[in-house]
């Protein structure tokens, strides 16, 4: 985990290139997407993956988020 200014806390950054934001919620809401996009902007990373573990099939809980591509 990484910590940014302002008390924000990253879940996982892979290889210094891809951010993973992990959730276990009934459904992904726009606020979750906005959260990871904000983290991407603050860290100057270009790519993130939002993963929701509260789904029957994990592939249905994965969403790619990009910053400025």
C-alpha atoms as a PDB file:
ATOM      1  CA  UNK A   1       0.000   0.000   0.000  1.00  0.00           C
ATOM      2  CA  UNK A   2       1.098   3.533  -0.647  1.00  0.00           C
ATOM      3  CA  UNK A   3       0.096   6.737   1.075  1.00  0.00           C
ATOM      4  CA  UNK A   4      -0.290  10.052  -0.704  1.00  0.00           C
ATOM      5  CA  UNK A   5      -0.540  13.613   0.585  1.00  0.00           C
ATOM      6  CA  UNK A   6      -3.926  14.434   2.052  1.00  0.00           C
ATOM      7  CA  UNK A   7      -4.325  11.024   3.706  1.00  0.00           C
ATOM      8  CA  UNK A   8      -5.252   9.134   0.523  1.00  0.00           C
ATOM      9  CA  UNK A   9      -4.269   5.485   0.586  1.00  0.00           C
ATOM     10  CA  UNK A  10      -3.543   3.391  -2.504  1.00  0.00           C
ATOM     11  CA  UNK A  11      -4.448  -0.285  -2.394  1.00  0.00           C
ATOM     12  CA  UNK A  12      -1.769  -1.683  -4.753  1.00  0.00           C
ATOM     13  CA  UNK A  13       0.592  -0.319  -7.404  1.00  0.00           C
ATOM     14  CA  UNK A  14       2.079  -2.966  -9.695  1.00  0.00           C
ATOM     15  CA  UNK A  15       5.513  -2.305 -11.154  1.00  0.00           C
ATOM     16  CA  UNK A  16       5.125   1.430 -10.595  1.00  0.00           C
ATOM     17  CA  UNK A  17       2.810   1.486 -13.610  1.00  0.00           C
ATOM     18  CA  UNK A  18      -0.660   0.081 -12.870  1.00  0.00           C
ATOM     19  CA  UNK A  19      -2.822   0.933  -9.881  1.00  0.00           C
ATOM     20  CA  UNK A  20      -5.232  -1.625  -8.458  1.00  0.00           C
ATOM     21  CA  UNK A  21      -8.205  -0.392  -6.434  1.00  0.00           C
ATOM     22  CA  UNK A  22      -9.860  -3.236  -4.552  1.00  0.00           C
ATOM     23  CA  UNK A  23     -13.513  -3.200  -3.487  1.00  0.00           C
ATOM     24  CA  UNK A  24     -16.090  -5.596  -2.066  1.00  0.00           C
ATOM     25  CA  UNK A  25     -19.354  -3.749  -2.756  1.00  0.00           C
ATOM     26  CA  UNK A  26     -22.753  -4.705  -4.176  1.00  0.00           C
ATOM     27  CA  UNK A  27     -21.973  -2.774  -7.347  1.00  0.00           C
ATOM     28  CA  UNK A  28     -19.390  -0.336  -8.628  1.00  0.00           C
ATOM     29  CA  UNK A  29     -20.703   3.222  -8.393  1.00  0.00           C
ATOM     30  CA  UNK A  30     -19.487   6.316 -10.267  1.00  0.00           C
ATOM     31  CA  UNK A  31     -17.808   7.509  -7.045  1.00  0.00           C
ATOM     32  CA  UNK A  32     -15.534   4.439  -7.120  1.00  0.00           C
ATOM     33  CA  UNK A  33     -14.463   5.239 -10.672  1.00  0.00           C
ATOM     34  CA  UNK A  34     -13.908   8.890  -9.731  1.00  0.00           C
ATOM     35  CA  UNK A  35     -11.800   7.780  -6.761  1.00  0.00           C
ATOM     36  CA  UNK A  36      -9.363   5.712  -8.818  1.00  0.00           C
ATOM     37  CA  UNK A  37      -9.206   8.383 -11.540  1.00  0.00           C
ATOM     38  CA  UNK A  38      -8.294  10.960  -8.875  1.00  0.00           C
ATOM     39  CA  UNK A  39      -5.588   8.637  -7.518  1.00  0.00           C
ATOM     40  CA  UNK A  40      -4.225   8.157 -11.040  1.00  0.00           C
ATOM     41  CA  UNK A  41      -4.040  11.915 -11.568  1.00  0.00           C
ATOM     42  CA  UNK A  42      -2.373  12.524  -8.195  1.00  0.00           C
ATOM     43  CA  UNK A  43       0.279   9.880  -8.856  1.00  0.00           C
ATOM     44  CA  UNK A  44       0.729  10.618 -12.600  1.00  0.00           C
ATOM     45  CA  UNK A  45      -0.038   6.992 -13.413  1.00  0.00           C
ATOM     46  CA  UNK A  46      -1.869   6.276 -16.659  1.00  0.00           C
ATOM     47  CA  UNK A  47      -3.671   2.998 -15.990  1.00  0.00           C
ATOM     48  CA  UNK A  48      -5.701   1.526 -13.174  1.00  0.00           C
ATOM     49  CA  UNK A  49      -7.874  -1.499 -12.594  1.00  0.00           C
ATOM     50  CA  UNK A  50     -10.913  -1.377 -10.347  1.00  0.00           C
ATOM     51  CA  UNK A  51     -11.684  -4.835  -8.949  1.00  0.00           C
ATOM     52  CA  UNK A  52     -14.908  -5.666  -7.117  1.00  0.00           C
ATOM     53  CA  UNK A  53     -14.705  -8.992  -5.283  1.00  0.00           C
ATOM     54  CA  UNK A  54     -18.421  -9.020  -4.388  1.00  0.00           C
ATOM     55  CA  UNK A  55     -19.533 -10.663  -7.655  1.00  0.00           C
ATOM     56  CA  UNK A  56     -20.268 -14.305  -8.570  1.00  0.00           C
ATOM     57  CA  UNK A  57     -17.700 -14.253 -11.408  1.00  0.00           C
ATOM     58  CA  UNK A  58     -14.569 -12.197 -10.805  1.00  0.00           C
ATOM     59  CA  UNK A  59     -14.318 -11.270 -14.506  1.00  0.00           C
ATOM     60  CA  UNK A  60     -17.598  -9.347 -14.077  1.00  0.00           C
ATOM     61  CA  UNK A  61     -16.067  -7.235 -11.315  1.00  0.00           C
ATOM     62  CA  UNK A  62     -13.064  -5.908 -13.244  1.00  0.00           C
ATOM     63  CA  UNK A  63     -13.008  -2.473 -14.893  1.00  0.00           C
ATOM     64  CA  UNK A  64     -10.045  -0.708 -16.499  1.00  0.00           C
ATOM     65  CA  UNK A  65      -9.690   3.011 -15.858  1.00  0.00           C
ATOM     66  CA  UNK A  66      -7.273   5.217 -17.813  1.00  0.00           C
ATOM     67  CA  UNK A  67      -5.939   8.690 -17.147  1.00  0.00           C
ATOM     68  CA  UNK A  68      -5.613  10.795 -20.273  1.00  0.00           C
ATOM     69  CA  UNK A  69      -5.090   8.069 -22.872  1.00  0.00           C
END
